[in-house]
Amino acid sequence: MARYVTVSAKVPSELRERMRELGIRASQLLRRAIEEEVRRREIDRIKASIQELKPALERVTVEEAVRSIRQDRERR
């Protein structure tokens, strides 16, 4: 079962009133925005890791990778 915590934000009362008039549910909107931002930052982190590894990976030829995989499979 998922555990939840409360995250709050203060907004001007005028904005809250406009949200009510438009039927905007803050909890759903904030949850979706936070999820999207977390996903975006995780992708950025992965891209940075790939860039760090790229020089090392460029030195490995396809033939070397295939040979290494075959040797590993034969050992099993």
Protein backbone atom coordinates (compact mmCIF):
# COMPACT_ATOMS: atom_id res chain seq x y z
CA MET A 1 0.00 0.00 0.00
CA ALA A 2 1.33 3.43 -0.92
CA ARG A 3 2.15 5.85 1.84
CA TYR A 4 1.29 9.47 1.39
CA VAL A 5 2.61 12.65 2.95
CA THR A 6 1.11 16.10 2.85
CA VAL A 7 2.81 18.81 0.83
CA SER A 8 1.31 22.26 1.04
CA ALA A 9 1.70 25.52 -0.84
CA LYS A 10 0.38 28.96 -0.14
CA VAL A 11 -1.35 30.87 -2.91
CA PRO A 12 -3.10 34.24 -2.86
CA SER A 13 -6.77 33.99 -1.91
CA GLU A 14 -7.75 35.57 -5.25
CA LEU A 15 -6.00 32.78 -7.10
CA ARG A 16 -7.69 30.16 -4.94
CA GLU A 17 -11.07 31.71 -5.70
CA ARG A 18 -10.36 31.69 -9.44
CA MET A 19 -9.32 28.04 -9.17
CA ARG A 20 -12.64 27.21 -7.51
CA GLU A 21 -14.58 29.07 -10.20
CA LEU A 22 -12.76 27.11 -12.90
CA GLY A 23 -13.09 23.78 -11.11
CA ILE A 24 -9.34 23.32 -10.73
CA ARG A 25 -8.42 20.83 -8.02
CA ALA A 26 -5.12 21.93 -6.56
CA SER A 27 -4.16 18.50 -5.23
CA GLN A 28 -4.45 16.82 -8.64
CA LEU A 29 -2.70 19.67 -10.41
CA LEU A 30 0.19 19.81 -7.93
CA ARG A 31 0.61 16.03 -7.89
CA ARG A 32 0.80 15.90 -11.69
CA ALA A 33 3.20 18.88 -11.86
CA ILE A 34 5.49 17.36 -9.22
CA GLU A 35 5.49 13.97 -10.96
CA GLU A 36 6.37 15.59 -14.30
CA GLU A 37 9.18 17.64 -12.74
CA VAL A 38 10.64 14.59 -10.98
CA ARG A 39 10.48 12.61 -14.23
CA ARG A 40 12.16 15.46 -16.16
CA ARG A 41 14.99 15.76 -13.62
CA GLU A 42 15.53 11.98 -13.57
CA ILE A 43 15.86 12.04 -17.36
CA ASP A 44 18.33 14.93 -17.12
CA ARG A 45 20.38 12.97 -14.57
CA ILE A 46 20.43 9.89 -16.82
CA LYS A 47 21.48 12.00 -19.82
CA ALA A 48 24.34 13.47 -17.78
CA SER A 49 25.48 9.98 -16.77
CA ILE A 50 25.42 8.86 -20.39
CA GLN A 51 27.53 11.86 -21.39
CA GLU A 52 30.07 10.93 -18.71
CA LEU A 53 30.25 7.34 -19.95
CA LYS A 54 30.26 8.20 -23.64
CA PRO A 55 34.06 8.57 -24.03
CA ALA A 56 34.66 5.14 -22.48
CA LEU A 57 31.91 3.51 -24.53
CA GLU A 58 33.23 4.98 -27.77
CA ARG A 59 36.50 3.08 -27.26
CA VAL A 60 34.69 -0.29 -27.25
CA THR A 61 34.01 -1.66 -30.73
CA VAL A 62 30.91 -3.66 -31.60
CA GLU A 63 33.08 -6.70 -32.26
CA GLU A 64 34.62 -6.47 -28.77
CA ALA A 65 31.18 -6.19 -27.19
CA VAL A 66 29.88 -9.21 -29.13
CA ARG A 67 32.98 -11.24 -28.23
CA SER A 68 32.61 -10.36 -24.55
CA ILE A 69 28.92 -11.32 -24.50
CA ARG A 70 29.65 -14.65 -26.20
CA GLN A 71 32.43 -15.46 -23.72
CA ASP A 72 30.13 -14.66 -20.84
CA ARG A 73 27.38 -16.89 -22.21
CA GLU A 74 29.79 -19.77 -22.78
CA ARG A 75 30.92 -19.62 -19.14
CA ARG A 76 27.38 -20.29 -17.90
